Amino acid sequence: MSHAPKTVETYKLTVRDFHALFPLLDSDQRHELLDGQIYIMPIPGTPHVRALRRLERQFLRHEGPGLCIWAGGLILSEHAEVWPDLMLREAEPPEGAPAALPAQVKLLVEVSDTTLHHDAHKKLWDYHRAGVAEYWVLDVQGRQVLRYLPPSYASEAFVSGGPPLSPQAYPDVAIDVGALFS
C-alpha cells in the first residue's frame, strides 16, 4: 500500500480534443483554445462590430491578388486554436482546408471593446510564440490601434488624427485610424 502524497493532475486539451467537444459546447458562445484550456469569449457588441466593419471596408479597397481578408480559425500550436476578428493572407485557403497556420498570416487583428487585457497580454504572447508576423489590437474604448511586431513585440500606439497605419506586408495600404472609431 503506497502512502505517497496524491497530487492534482491537469489535462491540456489538444486542438483535436477541442474539435471533438464542439457538439457539446454552447453554439451561442464563442470558444477558443489557449494553452489547452477553453476560453469562453464574450459575444461582440455594437462598438466591436462597428470598428471591425470600418476596418474591413478600408481593407476591401485594396483586396485583390496577394491580399485576402480572412476570418476563421488559426491554429497556433497543438494546444491552441483561436478565432481572430480578421486576418490578412496572400490568398484564400483551398476549399476544405483546415484552419490557418501562423506562417500564412501577414496581419492578425483583434478588436477589443471588453477584452483589452486578454488581447493585449495573454493572446499577445501566444501570437508572439507562434510567430505571427504582425498583430494589431483595436482598442475601441481607448480609440487607438496597438501594433505589435517581431522581434520584441513592443507596442506602438496609433491614435485618431495621427498618421495612417500600414501593415508591414502591405505598405501601400493606409488605414485611417480615426475613421475606425468616429
N, C-alpha and C. Protein backbone atom coordinates (compact mmCIF):
# COMPACT_ATOMS: atom_id res chain seq x y z
N MET A 1 0.85 -1.18 0.00
CA MET A 1 0.00 0.00 0.00
C MET A 1 0.89 1.23 0.00
N SER A 2 0.69 2.09 -0.95
CA SER A 2 1.52 3.29 -1.09
C SER A 2 0.94 4.44 -0.27
N HIS A 3 1.84 5.16 0.40
CA HIS A 3 1.44 6.34 1.15
C HIS A 3 1.97 7.61 0.51
N ALA A 4 2.30 7.52 -0.75
CA ALA A 4 2.81 8.70 -1.46
C ALA A 4 1.72 9.76 -1.52
N PRO A 5 2.10 11.02 -1.37
CA PRO A 5 1.09 12.08 -1.44
C PRO A 5 0.47 12.12 -2.84
N LYS A 6 -0.80 12.38 -2.85
CA LYS A 6 -1.51 12.49 -4.13
C LYS A 6 -1.42 13.93 -4.60
N THR A 7 -1.29 14.09 -5.88
CA THR A 7 -1.23 15.43 -6.44
C THR A 7 -2.38 15.62 -7.42
N VAL A 8 -2.72 16.85 -7.62
CA VAL A 8 -3.74 17.19 -8.60
C VAL A 8 -3.10 17.14 -9.98
N GLU A 9 -3.78 16.51 -10.89
CA GLU A 9 -3.29 16.44 -12.25
C GLU A 9 -4.21 17.26 -13.15
N THR A 10 -3.63 17.84 -14.16
CA THR A 10 -4.43 18.56 -15.14
C THR A 10 -4.21 17.92 -16.50
N TYR A 11 -5.12 18.18 -17.38
CA TYR A 11 -5.03 17.67 -18.74
C TYR A 11 -5.17 18.84 -19.69
N LYS A 12 -4.19 19.00 -20.56
CA LYS A 12 -4.27 20.06 -21.57
C LYS A 12 -4.95 19.49 -22.81
N LEU A 13 -6.03 20.13 -23.20
CA LEU A 13 -6.72 19.71 -24.41
C LEU A 13 -5.86 20.00 -25.63
N THR A 14 -5.97 19.15 -26.62
CA THR A 14 -5.34 19.41 -27.91
C THR A 14 -6.40 20.05 -28.82
N VAL A 15 -5.96 20.56 -29.93
CA VAL A 15 -6.90 21.10 -30.92
C VAL A 15 -7.87 20.01 -31.36
N ARG A 16 -7.36 18.81 -31.50
CA ARG A 16 -8.22 17.67 -31.89
C ARG A 16 -9.29 17.42 -30.82
N ASP A 17 -8.90 17.43 -29.54
CA ASP A 17 -9.87 17.28 -28.44
C ASP A 17 -10.92 18.40 -28.51
N PHE A 18 -10.43 19.61 -28.72
CA PHE A 18 -11.29 20.79 -28.78
C PHE A 18 -12.35 20.63 -29.87
N HIS A 19 -11.92 20.19 -31.04
CA HIS A 19 -12.86 19.98 -32.15
C HIS A 19 -13.88 18.88 -31.81
N ALA A 20 -13.43 17.84 -31.11
CA ALA A 20 -14.34 16.76 -30.72
C ALA A 20 -15.40 17.25 -29.73
N LEU A 21 -15.07 18.28 -28.96
CA LEU A 21 -16.01 18.83 -27.98
C LEU A 21 -17.01 19.81 -28.58
N PHE A 22 -16.79 20.27 -29.81
CA PHE A 22 -17.66 21.28 -30.42
C PHE A 22 -19.15 20.97 -30.26
N PRO A 23 -19.60 19.72 -30.51
CA PRO A 23 -21.05 19.46 -30.38
C PRO A 23 -21.58 19.66 -28.96
N LEU A 24 -20.71 19.61 -27.97
CA LEU A 24 -21.13 19.76 -26.58
C LEU A 24 -21.08 21.21 -26.09
N LEU A 25 -20.40 22.07 -26.84
CA LEU A 25 -20.25 23.46 -26.43
C LEU A 25 -21.47 24.28 -26.86
N ASP A 26 -21.76 25.30 -26.11
CA ASP A 26 -22.90 26.19 -26.40
C ASP A 26 -22.63 26.92 -27.72
N SER A 27 -23.44 26.66 -28.71
CA SER A 27 -23.22 27.26 -30.04
C SER A 27 -23.52 28.76 -30.06
N ASP A 28 -24.13 29.27 -29.02
CA ASP A 28 -24.40 30.71 -28.94
C ASP A 28 -23.22 31.48 -28.35
N GLN A 29 -22.15 30.77 -28.01
CA GLN A 29 -20.96 31.41 -27.44
C GLN A 29 -19.76 31.16 -28.34
N ARG A 30 -18.77 32.04 -28.21
CA ARG A 30 -17.52 31.88 -28.95
C ARG A 30 -16.52 31.19 -28.04
N HIS A 31 -15.84 30.18 -28.56
CA HIS A 31 -14.87 29.43 -27.76
C HIS A 31 -13.51 29.46 -28.45
N GLU A 32 -12.46 29.57 -27.65
CA GLU A 32 -11.09 29.50 -28.16
C GLU A 32 -10.30 28.59 -27.23
N LEU A 33 -9.26 27.99 -27.77
CA LEU A 33 -8.39 27.11 -27.00
C LEU A 33 -7.03 27.76 -26.90
N LEU A 34 -6.59 28.03 -25.68
CA LEU A 34 -5.26 28.61 -25.43
C LEU A 34 -4.59 27.81 -24.32
N ASP A 35 -3.37 27.36 -24.58
CA ASP A 35 -2.63 26.55 -23.60
C ASP A 35 -3.45 25.35 -23.11
N GLY A 36 -4.25 24.77 -23.99
CA GLY A 36 -5.02 23.60 -23.64
C GLY A 36 -6.26 23.86 -22.82
N GLN A 37 -6.60 25.13 -22.60
CA GLN A 37 -7.79 25.50 -21.83
C GLN A 37 -8.79 26.19 -22.74
N ILE A 38 -10.07 25.89 -22.52
CA ILE A 38 -11.13 26.52 -23.31
C ILE A 38 -11.49 27.86 -22.67
N TYR A 39 -11.47 28.89 -23.49
CA TYR A 39 -11.89 30.23 -23.06
C TYR A 39 -13.22 30.54 -23.72
N ILE A 40 -14.18 31.00 -22.93
CA ILE A 40 -15.46 31.43 -23.47
C ILE A 40 -15.36 32.93 -23.67
N MET A 41 -15.42 33.35 -24.92
CA MET A 41 -15.23 34.75 -25.26
C MET A 41 -16.58 35.46 -25.31
N PRO A 42 -16.61 36.74 -24.93
CA PRO A 42 -17.87 37.46 -24.99
C PRO A 42 -18.34 37.64 -26.44
N ILE A 43 -19.65 37.66 -26.60
CA ILE A 43 -20.23 37.93 -27.92
C ILE A 43 -19.95 39.40 -28.25
N PRO A 44 -19.46 39.70 -29.45
CA PRO A 44 -19.14 41.09 -29.80
C PRO A 44 -20.37 41.99 -29.73
N GLY A 45 -20.18 43.15 -29.09
CA GLY A 45 -21.24 44.15 -29.02
C GLY A 45 -21.15 45.12 -30.19
N THR A 46 -22.05 46.08 -30.20
CA THR A 46 -22.13 47.04 -31.31
C THR A 46 -20.83 47.81 -31.52
N PRO A 47 -20.15 48.35 -30.48
CA PRO A 47 -18.90 49.08 -30.74
C PRO A 47 -17.83 48.19 -31.39
N HIS A 48 -17.75 46.94 -30.97
CA HIS A 48 -16.81 45.98 -31.54
C HIS A 48 -17.11 45.76 -33.02
N VAL A 49 -18.36 45.45 -33.31
CA VAL A 49 -18.76 45.16 -34.69
C VAL A 49 -18.56 46.38 -35.58
N ARG A 50 -18.91 47.55 -35.07
CA ARG A 50 -18.77 48.79 -35.86
C ARG A 50 -17.30 49.02 -36.23
N ALA A 51 -16.39 48.91 -35.26
CA ALA A 51 -14.95 49.13 -35.55
C ALA A 51 -14.43 48.08 -36.53
N LEU A 52 -14.83 46.83 -36.36
CA LEU A 52 -14.39 45.77 -37.27
C LEU A 52 -14.89 46.02 -38.69
N ARG A 53 -16.14 46.38 -38.85
CA ARG A 53 -16.69 46.64 -40.20
C ARG A 53 -15.99 47.82 -40.85
N ARG A 54 -15.69 48.84 -40.09
CA ARG A 54 -14.99 50.00 -40.66
C ARG A 54 -13.58 49.63 -41.11
N LEU A 55 -12.90 48.79 -40.35
CA LEU A 55 -11.58 48.33 -40.76
C LEU A 55 -11.69 47.47 -42.01
N GLU A 56 -12.64 46.56 -42.03
CA GLU A 56 -12.83 45.71 -43.21
C GLU A 56 -13.07 46.55 -44.47
N ARG A 57 -13.90 47.59 -44.36
CA ARG A 57 -14.17 48.44 -45.53
C ARG A 57 -12.89 49.09 -46.04
N GLN A 58 -12.02 49.53 -45.13
CA GLN A 58 -10.76 50.15 -45.57
C GLN A 58 -9.87 49.12 -46.27
N PHE A 59 -9.81 47.90 -45.73
CA PHE A 59 -9.00 46.86 -46.37
C PHE A 59 -9.61 46.42 -47.70
N LEU A 60 -10.94 46.39 -47.81
CA LEU A 60 -11.60 45.94 -49.04
C LEU A 60 -11.21 46.78 -50.25
N ARG A 61 -10.88 48.02 -50.03
CA ARG A 61 -10.46 48.88 -51.15
C ARG A 61 -9.16 48.37 -51.78
N HIS A 62 -8.43 47.53 -51.05
CA HIS A 62 -7.13 47.05 -51.53
C HIS A 62 -7.10 45.55 -51.80
N GLU A 63 -8.22 44.86 -51.54
CA GLU A 63 -8.22 43.41 -51.71
C GLU A 63 -8.05 43.06 -53.18
N GLY A 64 -7.28 42.04 -53.42
CA GLY A 64 -7.01 41.56 -54.77
C GLY A 64 -5.91 40.53 -54.70
N PRO A 65 -5.30 40.21 -55.83
CA PRO A 65 -4.22 39.23 -55.81
C PRO A 65 -3.13 39.63 -54.80
N GLY A 66 -2.83 38.72 -53.90
CA GLY A 66 -1.79 38.98 -52.91
C GLY A 66 -2.30 39.52 -51.59
N LEU A 67 -3.58 39.94 -51.53
CA LEU A 67 -4.16 40.44 -50.28
C LEU A 67 -5.58 39.91 -50.15
N CYS A 68 -5.76 39.00 -49.20
CA CYS A 68 -7.06 38.38 -48.95
C CYS A 68 -7.45 38.66 -47.50
N ILE A 69 -8.65 39.21 -47.30
CA ILE A 69 -9.18 39.45 -45.96
C ILE A 69 -9.86 38.15 -45.53
N TRP A 70 -9.51 37.66 -44.34
CA TRP A 70 -10.00 36.36 -43.92
C TRP A 70 -10.41 36.38 -42.45
N ALA A 71 -11.51 35.72 -42.16
CA ALA A 71 -11.94 35.49 -40.78
C ALA A 71 -12.15 33.99 -40.64
N GLY A 72 -11.50 33.40 -39.69
CA GLY A 72 -11.61 31.96 -39.49
C GLY A 72 -10.66 31.53 -38.40
N GLY A 73 -10.54 30.24 -38.23
CA GLY A 73 -9.69 29.71 -37.18
C GLY A 73 -8.21 29.84 -37.51
N LEU A 74 -7.41 29.88 -36.46
CA LEU A 74 -5.95 29.95 -36.58
C LEU A 74 -5.37 28.99 -35.56
N ILE A 75 -4.67 27.96 -36.03
CA ILE A 75 -4.03 27.00 -35.13
C ILE A 75 -2.64 27.52 -34.78
N LEU A 76 -2.44 27.83 -33.49
CA LEU A 76 -1.17 28.36 -33.02
C LEU A 76 -0.21 27.25 -32.61
N SER A 77 -0.75 26.16 -32.10
CA SER A 77 0.07 25.04 -31.64
C SER A 77 -0.84 23.84 -31.46
N GLU A 78 -0.29 22.74 -30.97
CA GLU A 78 -1.09 21.54 -30.70
C GLU A 78 -2.18 21.81 -29.66
N HIS A 79 -1.95 22.83 -28.82
CA HIS A 79 -2.87 23.13 -27.71
C HIS A 79 -3.54 24.49 -27.83
N ALA A 80 -3.56 25.07 -29.02
CA ALA A 80 -4.13 26.42 -29.15
C ALA A 80 -4.74 26.64 -30.54
N GLU A 81 -6.01 27.03 -30.52
CA GLU A 81 -6.70 27.47 -31.74
C GLU A 81 -7.58 28.65 -31.36
N VAL A 82 -7.43 29.73 -32.11
CA VAL A 82 -8.18 30.96 -31.84
C VAL A 82 -8.98 31.34 -33.08
N TRP A 83 -9.88 32.30 -32.89
CA TRP A 83 -10.71 32.81 -33.98
C TRP A 83 -10.58 34.32 -34.00
N PRO A 84 -9.49 34.83 -34.56
CA PRO A 84 -9.29 36.28 -34.59
C PRO A 84 -10.40 36.98 -35.37
N ASP A 85 -10.55 38.26 -35.10
CA ASP A 85 -11.58 39.02 -35.80
C ASP A 85 -11.28 39.16 -37.29
N LEU A 86 -10.00 39.28 -37.63
CA LEU A 86 -9.64 39.50 -39.03
C LEU A 86 -8.18 39.09 -39.23
N MET A 87 -7.91 38.50 -40.39
CA MET A 87 -6.54 38.19 -40.78
C MET A 87 -6.35 38.64 -42.22
N LEU A 88 -5.14 39.05 -42.55
CA LEU A 88 -4.77 39.29 -43.94
C LEU A 88 -3.85 38.15 -44.35
N ARG A 89 -4.16 37.56 -45.50
CA ARG A 89 -3.37 36.47 -46.06
C ARG A 89 -3.07 36.81 -47.51
N GLU A 90 -2.17 36.04 -48.11
CA GLU A 90 -1.88 36.27 -49.53
C GLU A 90 -2.99 35.73 -50.43
N ALA A 91 -3.68 34.69 -49.97
CA ALA A 91 -4.73 34.08 -50.79
C ALA A 91 -5.71 33.33 -49.90
N GLU A 92 -6.89 33.07 -50.44
CA GLU A 92 -7.86 32.24 -49.73
C GLU A 92 -7.29 30.83 -49.61
N PRO A 93 -7.60 30.15 -48.51
CA PRO A 93 -7.16 28.76 -48.41
C PRO A 93 -7.97 27.89 -49.37
N PRO A 94 -7.44 26.76 -49.76
CA PRO A 94 -8.20 25.86 -50.63
C PRO A 94 -9.47 25.38 -49.93
N GLU A 95 -10.47 25.06 -50.72
CA GLU A 95 -11.74 24.54 -50.19
C GLU A 95 -11.46 23.33 -49.31
N GLY A 96 -12.05 23.31 -48.11
CA GLY A 96 -11.88 22.18 -47.19
C GLY A 96 -10.60 22.21 -46.38
N ALA A 97 -9.78 23.23 -46.57
CA ALA A 97 -8.53 23.32 -45.81
C ALA A 97 -8.84 23.56 -44.34
N PRO A 98 -8.01 23.03 -43.45
CA PRO A 98 -8.22 23.29 -42.02
C PRO A 98 -7.90 24.75 -41.70
N ALA A 99 -7.97 25.08 -40.45
CA ALA A 99 -7.68 26.45 -40.01
C ALA A 99 -6.31 26.90 -40.49
N ALA A 100 -6.14 28.21 -40.54
CA ALA A 100 -4.87 28.80 -40.98
C ALA A 100 -3.76 28.47 -39.98
N LEU A 101 -2.54 28.60 -40.46
CA LEU A 101 -1.35 28.48 -39.62
C LEU A 101 -0.67 29.84 -39.56
N PRO A 102 0.08 30.13 -38.50
CA PRO A 102 0.69 31.47 -38.35
C PRO A 102 1.52 31.92 -39.55
N ALA A 103 2.24 31.01 -40.19
CA ALA A 103 3.09 31.40 -41.32
C ALA A 103 2.28 31.91 -42.51
N GLN A 104 0.99 31.58 -42.56
CA GLN A 104 0.14 32.00 -43.67
C GLN A 104 -0.49 33.38 -43.45
N VAL A 105 -0.32 33.92 -42.25
CA VAL A 105 -0.99 35.16 -41.87
C VAL A 105 0.00 36.32 -41.92
N LYS A 106 -0.34 37.35 -42.68
CA LYS A 106 0.51 38.54 -42.78
C LYS A 106 0.17 39.56 -41.70
N LEU A 107 -1.11 39.62 -41.30
CA LEU A 107 -1.57 40.52 -40.25
C LEU A 107 -2.74 39.85 -39.54
N LEU A 108 -2.72 39.91 -38.22
CA LEU A 108 -3.81 39.39 -37.40
C LEU A 108 -4.37 40.54 -36.59
N VAL A 109 -5.70 40.67 -36.55
CA VAL A 109 -6.34 41.79 -35.85
C VAL A 109 -7.37 41.25 -34.86
N GLU A 110 -7.31 41.77 -33.64
CA GLU A 110 -8.35 41.54 -32.63
C GLU A 110 -8.96 42.90 -32.31
N VAL A 111 -10.29 42.96 -32.25
CA VAL A 111 -10.99 44.17 -31.84
C VAL A 111 -11.34 44.00 -30.37
N SER A 112 -10.92 44.96 -29.55
CA SER A 112 -11.11 44.86 -28.10
C SER A 112 -11.99 45.98 -27.60
N ASP A 113 -13.21 45.61 -27.27
CA ASP A 113 -14.10 46.56 -26.61
C ASP A 113 -14.14 46.22 -25.12
N THR A 114 -14.24 44.92 -24.80
CA THR A 114 -14.30 44.49 -23.41
C THR A 114 -13.19 43.51 -23.05
N THR A 115 -12.31 43.17 -24.01
CA THR A 115 -11.31 42.13 -23.78
C THR A 115 -9.88 42.64 -23.93
N LEU A 116 -9.66 43.92 -23.72
CA LEU A 116 -8.34 44.50 -23.98
C LEU A 116 -7.23 43.80 -23.20
N HIS A 117 -7.42 43.56 -21.93
CA HIS A 117 -6.35 42.93 -21.14
C HIS A 117 -6.02 41.55 -21.71
N HIS A 118 -7.02 40.77 -22.04
CA HIS A 118 -6.81 39.43 -22.59
C HIS A 118 -6.09 39.50 -23.95
N ASP A 119 -6.55 40.41 -24.81
CA ASP A 119 -5.97 40.52 -26.15
C ASP A 119 -4.56 41.10 -26.14
N ALA A 120 -4.30 42.05 -25.25
CA ALA A 120 -3.00 42.74 -25.23
C ALA A 120 -2.00 42.09 -24.28
N HIS A 121 -2.38 41.00 -23.65
CA HIS A 121 -1.45 40.29 -22.77
C HIS A 121 -1.42 38.80 -23.11
N LYS A 122 -2.44 38.07 -22.73
CA LYS A 122 -2.46 36.62 -22.94
C LYS A 122 -2.31 36.27 -24.42
N LYS A 123 -3.19 36.81 -25.24
CA LYS A 123 -3.13 36.47 -26.67
C LYS A 123 -1.87 37.02 -27.32
N LEU A 124 -1.44 38.18 -26.90
CA LEU A 124 -0.23 38.79 -27.46
C LEU A 124 0.94 37.81 -27.40
N TRP A 125 1.17 37.24 -26.23
CA TRP A 125 2.34 36.36 -26.08
C TRP A 125 2.12 35.03 -26.78
N ASP A 126 0.89 34.56 -26.86
CA ASP A 126 0.62 33.34 -27.62
C ASP A 126 0.89 33.58 -29.11
N TYR A 127 0.49 34.73 -29.62
CA TYR A 127 0.75 35.06 -31.02
C TYR A 127 2.24 35.25 -31.27
N HIS A 128 2.91 35.87 -30.34
CA HIS A 128 4.36 36.08 -30.46
C HIS A 128 5.08 34.72 -30.53
N ARG A 129 4.77 33.82 -29.59
CA ARG A 129 5.41 32.50 -29.57
C ARG A 129 5.12 31.71 -30.84
N ALA A 130 3.94 31.90 -31.41
CA ALA A 130 3.56 31.16 -32.62
C ALA A 130 4.19 31.74 -33.88
N GLY A 131 4.77 32.94 -33.78
CA GLY A 131 5.42 33.54 -34.94
C GLY A 131 4.52 34.36 -35.83
N VAL A 132 3.43 34.89 -35.28
CA VAL A 132 2.55 35.77 -36.07
C VAL A 132 3.36 37.00 -36.50
N ALA A 133 3.31 37.32 -37.78
CA ALA A 133 4.16 38.37 -38.36
C ALA A 133 3.83 39.77 -37.86
N GLU A 134 2.56 40.06 -37.64
CA GLU A 134 2.15 41.39 -37.19
C GLU A 134 0.79 41.25 -36.52
N TYR A 135 0.62 41.95 -35.40
CA TYR A 135 -0.61 41.85 -34.61
C TYR A 135 -1.09 43.24 -34.26
N TRP A 136 -2.37 43.51 -34.56
CA TRP A 136 -2.99 44.78 -34.19
C TRP A 136 -4.12 44.51 -33.20
N VAL A 137 -4.24 45.36 -32.20
CA VAL A 137 -5.38 45.35 -31.28
C VAL A 137 -6.10 46.67 -31.47
N LEU A 138 -7.35 46.62 -31.91
CA LEU A 138 -8.16 47.84 -32.00
C LEU A 138 -8.79 48.06 -30.63
N ASP A 139 -8.24 49.00 -29.89
CA ASP A 139 -8.72 49.35 -28.55
C ASP A 139 -9.88 50.32 -28.73
N VAL A 140 -11.10 49.79 -28.72
CA VAL A 140 -12.28 50.59 -29.01
C VAL A 140 -12.46 51.70 -27.99
N GLN A 141 -12.33 51.39 -26.71
CA GLN A 141 -12.55 52.40 -25.68
C GLN A 141 -11.43 53.45 -25.65
N GLY A 142 -10.20 53.03 -25.94
CA GLY A 142 -9.08 53.97 -25.99
C GLY A 142 -8.96 54.69 -27.32
N ARG A 143 -9.78 54.28 -28.31
CA ARG A 143 -9.80 54.89 -29.64
C ARG A 143 -8.39 54.92 -30.26
N GLN A 144 -7.74 53.76 -30.19
CA GLN A 144 -6.39 53.64 -30.73
C GLN A 144 -6.17 52.22 -31.26
N VAL A 145 -5.14 52.08 -32.08
CA VAL A 145 -4.71 50.77 -32.55
C VAL A 145 -3.33 50.53 -31.97
N LEU A 146 -3.18 49.39 -31.30
CA LEU A 146 -1.88 48.98 -30.78
C LEU A 146 -1.29 48.00 -31.78
N ARG A 147 -0.07 48.30 -32.24
CA ARG A 147 0.59 47.43 -33.22
C ARG A 147 1.77 46.74 -32.54
N TYR A 148 1.90 45.45 -32.80
CA TYR A 148 2.98 44.63 -32.24
C TYR A 148 3.70 43.94 -33.39
N LEU A 149 5.03 44.08 -33.39
CA LEU A 149 5.86 43.49 -34.44
C LEU A 149 7.01 42.71 -33.82
N PRO A 150 7.45 41.63 -34.49
CA PRO A 150 8.65 40.95 -34.04
C PRO A 150 9.86 41.86 -34.23
N PRO A 151 10.95 41.68 -33.57
CA PRO A 151 11.18 40.54 -32.70
C PRO A 151 10.69 40.76 -31.26
N SER A 152 10.54 41.98 -30.82
CA SER A 152 10.25 42.23 -29.41
C SER A 152 8.76 42.26 -29.10
N TYR A 153 7.94 42.51 -30.10
CA TYR A 153 6.50 42.67 -29.90
C TYR A 153 6.19 43.82 -28.94
N ALA A 154 7.07 44.82 -28.91
CA ALA A 154 6.78 46.03 -28.12
C ALA A 154 5.62 46.75 -28.80
N SER A 155 4.77 47.39 -28.01
CA SER A 155 3.59 48.02 -28.59
C SER A 155 3.90 49.41 -29.11
N GLU A 156 3.23 49.76 -30.19
CA GLU A 156 3.29 51.09 -30.77
C GLU A 156 1.84 51.52 -30.98
N ALA A 157 1.46 52.67 -30.41
CA ALA A 157 0.07 53.11 -30.48
C ALA A 157 -0.14 54.09 -31.62
N PHE A 158 -1.24 53.90 -32.34
CA PHE A 158 -1.66 54.80 -33.40
C PHE A 158 -3.03 55.33 -33.01
N VAL A 159 -3.17 56.63 -32.98
CA VAL A 159 -4.40 57.25 -32.48
C VAL A 159 -5.11 58.05 -33.57
N SER A 160 -6.37 58.39 -33.29
CA SER A 160 -7.14 59.23 -34.20
C SER A 160 -6.40 60.53 -34.46
N GLY A 161 -6.38 60.97 -35.70
CA GLY A 161 -5.72 62.22 -36.05
C GLY A 161 -4.24 62.06 -36.33
N GLY A 162 -3.69 60.88 -36.06
CA GLY A 162 -2.27 60.64 -36.32
C GLY A 162 -2.05 60.16 -37.74
N PRO A 163 -0.83 59.75 -38.03
CA PRO A 163 -0.54 59.27 -39.39
C PRO A 163 -1.28 57.97 -39.68
N PRO A 164 -1.50 57.68 -40.96
CA PRO A 164 -2.15 56.41 -41.30
C PRO A 164 -1.27 55.23 -40.88
N LEU A 165 -1.90 54.11 -40.71
CA LEU A 165 -1.23 52.88 -40.29
C LEU A 165 -1.25 51.89 -41.45
N SER A 166 -0.09 51.32 -41.75
CA SER A 166 0.01 50.34 -42.84
C SER A 166 0.59 49.04 -42.32
N PRO A 167 0.02 47.91 -42.73
CA PRO A 167 0.63 46.63 -42.37
C PRO A 167 2.00 46.52 -43.04
N GLN A 168 2.96 45.91 -42.35
CA GLN A 168 4.30 45.77 -42.92
C GLN A 168 4.29 45.04 -44.25
N ALA A 169 3.45 44.02 -44.38
CA ALA A 169 3.42 43.24 -45.62
C ALA A 169 2.73 43.98 -46.77
N TYR A 170 2.00 45.05 -46.43
CA TYR A 170 1.25 45.81 -47.43
C TYR A 170 1.46 47.30 -47.20
N PRO A 171 2.65 47.81 -47.47
CA PRO A 171 2.95 49.21 -47.15
C PRO A 171 2.11 50.23 -47.93
N ASP A 172 1.50 49.82 -49.04
CA ASP A 172 0.66 50.74 -49.82
C ASP A 172 -0.77 50.83 -49.29
N VAL A 173 -1.09 50.03 -48.30
CA VAL A 173 -2.43 50.03 -47.70
C VAL A 173 -2.39 50.96 -46.49
N ALA A 174 -3.05 52.10 -46.59
CA ALA A 174 -3.04 53.10 -45.50
C ALA A 174 -4.39 53.07 -44.78
N ILE A 175 -4.35 52.80 -43.49
CA ILE A 175 -5.57 52.74 -42.68
C ILE A 175 -5.70 54.04 -41.89
N ASP A 176 -6.84 54.68 -42.03
CA ASP A 176 -7.16 55.90 -41.28
C ASP A 176 -7.71 55.47 -39.91
N VAL A 177 -6.89 55.58 -38.88
CA VAL A 177 -7.27 55.12 -37.54
C VAL A 177 -8.49 55.88 -37.03
N GLY A 178 -8.55 57.18 -37.25
CA GLY A 178 -9.68 57.97 -36.78
C GLY A 178 -11.01 57.48 -37.34
N ALA A 179 -11.01 57.03 -38.59
CA ALA A 179 -12.25 56.55 -39.21
C ALA A 179 -12.76 55.26 -38.59
N LEU A 180 -11.91 54.54 -37.87
CA LEU A 180 -12.34 53.30 -37.23
C LEU A 180 -13.25 53.56 -36.04
N PHE A 181 -13.09 54.72 -35.42
CA PHE A 181 -13.76 54.99 -34.15
C PHE A 181 -14.72 56.17 -34.20
N SER A 182 -14.88 56.83 -35.36
CA SER A 182 -15.75 58.01 -35.42
C SER A 182 -17.16 57.65 -35.79
